[in-house]
Protein backbone atom coordinates (compact mmCIF):
# COMPACT_ATOMS: atom_id res chain seq x y z
CA MET A 1 66.72 -18.44 -17.60
CA LYS A 2 63.92 -18.21 -15.67
CA SER A 3 60.19 -18.22 -17.25
CA ARG A 4 59.39 -14.72 -16.02
CA GLN A 5 62.78 -13.33 -17.50
CA LEU A 6 62.02 -15.24 -20.75
CA GLY A 7 58.54 -13.48 -21.00
CA ARG A 8 59.76 -10.51 -20.68
CA CYS A 9 62.41 -10.68 -23.20
CA LEU A 10 60.12 -12.14 -25.63
CA VAL A 11 57.64 -9.14 -25.35
CA GLY A 12 60.24 -6.06 -24.36
CA ARG A 13 58.23 -4.35 -21.51
CA GLY A 14 55.04 -6.02 -21.62
CA PRO A 15 54.12 -8.66 -18.42
CA PRO A 16 55.49 -12.35 -18.16
CA LEU A 17 53.89 -14.52 -20.66
CA GLN A 18 52.16 -17.44 -19.05
CA ARG A 19 54.36 -20.75 -18.52
CA GLY A 20 54.39 -23.12 -21.74
CA PHE A 21 53.14 -20.29 -23.99
CA GLN A 22 53.92 -21.10 -28.04
CA PRO A 23 53.24 -18.68 -30.63
CA ARG A 24 49.87 -19.60 -32.18
CA LYS A 25 49.67 -21.55 -35.62
CA LEU A 26 49.62 -19.58 -38.77
CA TYR A 27 46.85 -19.83 -41.02
CA GLY A 28 46.41 -19.00 -44.79
CA GLY A 29 43.50 -18.30 -46.49
CA LEU A 30 43.41 -14.38 -46.44
CA ARG A 31 42.95 -12.84 -49.64
CA ALA A 32 46.13 -10.57 -50.78
CA GLU A 33 45.77 -6.77 -49.73
CA TRP A 34 46.92 -5.80 -53.26
CA GLY A 35 45.09 -5.67 -56.42
CA ARG A 36 46.26 -5.84 -59.99
CA PRO A 37 48.01 -2.72 -60.89
CA GLN A 38 45.67 -0.25 -62.66
CA PRO A 39 47.92 2.53 -63.69
CA LEU A 40 46.51 5.64 -65.50
CA VAL A 41 49.83 7.20 -65.79
CA PRO A 42 53.29 6.52 -67.07
CA SER A 43 54.91 3.65 -65.34
CA VAL A 44 58.17 5.44 -64.18
CA ARG A 45 57.62 8.01 -61.37
CA HIS A 46 60.10 9.77 -59.10
CA PHE A 47 60.36 10.48 -55.38
CA SER A 48 62.81 11.85 -53.17
CA ILE A 49 63.86 10.08 -49.75
CA ARG A 50 62.17 11.57 -46.72
CA TYR A 51 62.81 10.15 -43.66
CA ALA A 52 60.24 9.60 -40.86
CA THR A 53 60.14 11.76 -37.63
CA PRO A 54 59.69 9.42 -34.56
CA CYS A 55 57.05 10.20 -32.16
CA LYS A 56 56.58 9.23 -28.44
CA GLU A 57 52.93 10.32 -26.80
CA LYS A 58 50.94 9.66 -24.04
CA ILE A 59 47.65 7.67 -24.40
CA THR A 60 45.82 11.26 -24.23
CA ALA A 61 47.51 11.92 -27.61
CA ASN A 62 46.06 8.38 -29.10
CA MET A 63 42.46 9.02 -27.50
CA ASP A 64 41.03 9.74 -31.22
CA LEU A 65 42.28 6.02 -32.60
CA TYR A 66 41.72 4.44 -29.21
CA ASP A 67 37.91 5.82 -29.67
CA GLU A 68 37.73 4.61 -33.40
CA MET A 69 39.43 1.34 -33.40
CA PHE A 70 40.11 -0.27 -30.01
CA ARG A 71 37.45 0.84 -27.69
CA PRO A 72 34.58 -0.96 -29.30
CA PHE A 73 36.33 -4.20 -28.57
CA GLY A 74 36.63 -3.74 -24.88
CA VAL A 75 40.68 -3.10 -25.26
CA SER A 76 41.35 -1.37 -21.83
CA THR A 77 43.22 2.20 -21.68
CA THR A 78 46.21 0.59 -20.09
CA GLN A 79 46.40 -2.21 -22.78
CA MET A 80 46.43 0.70 -25.24
CA THR A 81 49.23 2.39 -23.42
CA GLU A 82 51.09 -0.73 -23.63
CA LEU A 83 50.43 -1.40 -27.23
CA MET A 84 51.38 2.12 -28.62
CA ASN A 85 54.76 1.50 -26.39
CA HIS A 86 55.55 -1.44 -28.21
CA GLY A 87 55.11 0.50 -31.33
CA THR A 88 56.66 3.19 -33.13
CA LYS A 89 54.34 6.16 -34.07
CA CYS A 90 55.73 8.23 -37.08
CA LYS A 91 55.17 11.18 -39.29
CA TYR A 92 55.96 11.80 -42.93
CA GLY A 93 56.45 14.52 -45.22
CA ASP A 94 54.74 14.33 -48.94
CA LYS A 95 56.78 11.45 -50.70
CA GLY A 96 58.38 10.17 -47.63
CA VAL A 97 59.39 6.33 -47.99
CA VAL A 98 56.78 4.49 -45.65
CA VAL A 99 58.12 1.08 -46.80
CA ALA A 100 60.99 0.55 -49.03
CA GLY A 101 60.73 -2.22 -51.84
CA GLY A 102 63.09 -4.76 -52.31
CA GLN A 103 63.73 -5.38 -48.86
CA LEU A 104 62.62 -7.72 -45.84
CA HIS A 105 59.77 -6.36 -44.31
CA ASP A 106 59.19 -7.51 -40.82
CA LYS A 107 56.48 -4.67 -39.38
CA VAL A 108 53.01 -4.05 -39.52
CA VAL A 109 52.33 -0.45 -40.37
CA LEU A 110 48.68 1.07 -39.40
CA VAL A 111 48.18 4.30 -41.62
CA VAL A 112 46.73 6.60 -38.97
CA ARG A 113 46.22 9.61 -40.95
CA GLY A 114 46.85 10.35 -44.48
CA THR A 115 47.18 8.47 -47.64
CA ALA A 116 50.08 6.53 -48.70
CA VAL A 117 50.50 4.49 -52.18
CA ALA A 118 52.17 1.30 -53.08
CA TYR A 119 54.09 1.22 -56.33
CA GLN A 120 55.53 -2.10 -57.76
CA HIS A 121 58.98 -2.01 -56.60
CA ASP A 122 61.36 -2.56 -59.88
CA GLU A 123 65.14 -3.71 -58.95
CA GLU A 124 66.32 -2.31 -62.20
CA ALA A 125 65.00 1.00 -61.96
CA SER A 126 67.32 4.00 -61.55
CA SER A 127 67.69 5.71 -58.00
CA GLY A 128 64.32 7.70 -57.15
CA GLU A 129 62.30 5.96 -59.99
CA LEU A 130 59.28 4.01 -58.74
CA GLY A 131 56.82 1.65 -60.95
CA PRO A 132 53.39 1.99 -61.61
CA PRO A 133 50.97 2.54 -58.99
CA VAL A 134 49.37 -0.64 -57.57
CA CYS A 135 47.23 0.46 -54.60
CA SER A 136 46.50 3.00 -51.92
CA TYR A 137 46.19 2.93 -48.00
CA SER A 138 43.95 5.45 -46.30
CA GLY A 139 44.34 6.57 -42.73
CA ARG A 140 42.07 5.01 -40.01
CA LEU A 141 41.51 8.56 -39.00
CA SER A 142 41.11 10.23 -42.30
CA SER A 143 37.54 11.34 -43.23
CA ASN A 144 38.84 11.88 -46.64
CA GLU A 145 41.19 10.24 -49.12
CA SER A 146 43.75 12.53 -50.58
CA GLU A 147 42.98 13.02 -54.37
CA LEU A 148 45.52 11.18 -56.70
CA PRO A 149 46.31 11.94 -60.28
CA PHE A 150 45.59 8.38 -61.06
CA GLN A 151 43.26 5.48 -60.19
CA VAL A 152 44.00 2.32 -57.86
CA PRO A 153 42.18 0.24 -55.52
CA THR A 154 42.33 1.24 -51.85
CA ARG A 155 43.22 -1.49 -49.46
CA GLY A 156 42.23 -0.09 -46.06
CA SER A 157 44.54 1.20 -43.53
CA MET A 158 46.89 -1.93 -42.49
CA ILE A 159 50.08 -2.37 -44.60
CA GLY A 160 51.60 -5.84 -43.89
CA GLY A 161 48.76 -7.11 -41.82
CA SER A 162 48.19 -10.30 -43.70
CA ALA A 163 51.09 -11.53 -42.33
CA LEU A 164 49.40 -11.81 -38.78
CA VAL A 165 47.57 -14.60 -40.03
CA ASP A 166 49.34 -15.85 -43.41
CA ASN A 167 53.22 -16.98 -43.18
CA THR A 168 53.23 -16.55 -46.88
CA PRO A 169 55.01 -13.56 -47.56
CA VAL A 170 57.09 -13.52 -44.33
CA GLY A 171 60.95 -13.86 -45.34
CA LYS A 172 60.51 -12.39 -48.66
CA PRO A 173 61.34 -8.97 -50.16
CA TYR A 174 58.79 -6.47 -50.21
CA PRO A 175 57.30 -6.17 -53.62
CA TYR A 176 56.11 -2.62 -53.31
CA ASP A 177 57.45 0.93 -52.80
CA VAL A 178 54.78 2.50 -50.38
CA ILE A 179 55.12 5.99 -50.68
CA ALA A 180 53.17 9.15 -48.92
CA ALA A 181 50.90 11.14 -50.98
CA GLY A 182 51.19 14.27 -48.59
CA PRO A 183 51.44 14.42 -44.85
CA VAL A 184 51.17 10.75 -43.06
CA GLU A 185 50.91 9.58 -39.71
CA ILE A 186 51.62 5.83 -39.09
CA VAL A 187 52.03 3.47 -36.05
CA GLU A 188 54.42 0.25 -36.91
CA TRP A 189 55.30 -2.68 -34.55
CA ASP A 190 57.58 -5.50 -35.18
CA LEU A 191 55.68 -8.56 -36.63
CA ASP A 192 56.95 -11.18 -34.25
CA GLU A 193 56.45 -9.11 -31.32
CA LEU A 194 52.92 -8.08 -32.28
CA ARG A 195 52.00 -11.73 -32.81
CA MET A 196 53.26 -12.41 -29.17
CA ILE A 197 51.13 -9.43 -27.96
CA LEU A 198 48.17 -10.61 -29.73
CA ASP A 199 48.24 -14.10 -28.35
CA ARG A 200 48.31 -13.22 -25.19
CA PRO A 201 45.04 -14.86 -23.14
CA LYS A 202 43.93 -11.82 -21.64
CA TRP A 203 44.72 -9.46 -25.16
CA ARG A 204 41.70 -11.05 -27.15
CA ALA A 205 40.02 -7.74 -27.29
CA VAL A 206 43.27 -5.89 -28.78
CA GLN A 207 43.38 -9.33 -31.25
CA ALA A 208 39.99 -8.64 -32.48
CA SER A 209 40.59 -5.07 -33.02
CA PHE A 210 43.45 -6.00 -35.48
CA TYR A 211 41.46 -8.64 -37.32
CA TYR A 212 38.38 -6.72 -37.73
CA THR A 213 40.44 -3.82 -39.11
CA LEU A 214 42.28 -6.09 -41.27
CA TYR A 215 39.31 -8.28 -42.94
CA VAL A 216 36.48 -5.96 -42.91
CA GLU A 217 38.51 -3.08 -44.41
CA LEU A 218 39.50 -5.29 -47.09
CA ILE A 219 36.27 -6.83 -47.79
CA GLY A 220 34.71 -3.36 -48.09
CA THR A 221 36.97 -2.46 -51.04
CA LEU A 222 36.60 -5.57 -52.77
């Protein structure tokens, strides 16, 4: 396969990668995204599975996210459009399953609006039962967090983002069930594909946008 064809295969609809491209070496040291459980309610909770509604939209529908997260770092609208085309934008109703625990999770999820709560996954729990709440994720564009009936730490707006820089959790079952607490809007990307996109030489501004969100939001919640 020619190098240009290979590049297109690696990143889907993106432009071809440069000759000799190698995925960036991952490094550890990122603090864990999740704090210790601090449940103030009984550990057994119930939820009903409600599936997400995929959304494909033009750049004009994502201008709020662009202005808030990407424009300050010099990301172009062309890059933003391509980035969103590589992702999947979904909306969940209350108690929708954003991430199912106990399964391999090879996605990076950005919560755009709403609040999602991570519960400790219990393989022995009956269907529909949840473990104790561990932390919450607040939408990047949400001005106010949803009121929860329990107290848990907030861990920013990115679920699974630590895998961008720390290979430790990759290939392991995800330890939490992440459930929507009211209406939630997210964008998710395939982990390997997003890594390759962020490592393009001319996409450092997009990389900076993700890393800033990942680190600064986490530091702000410590």
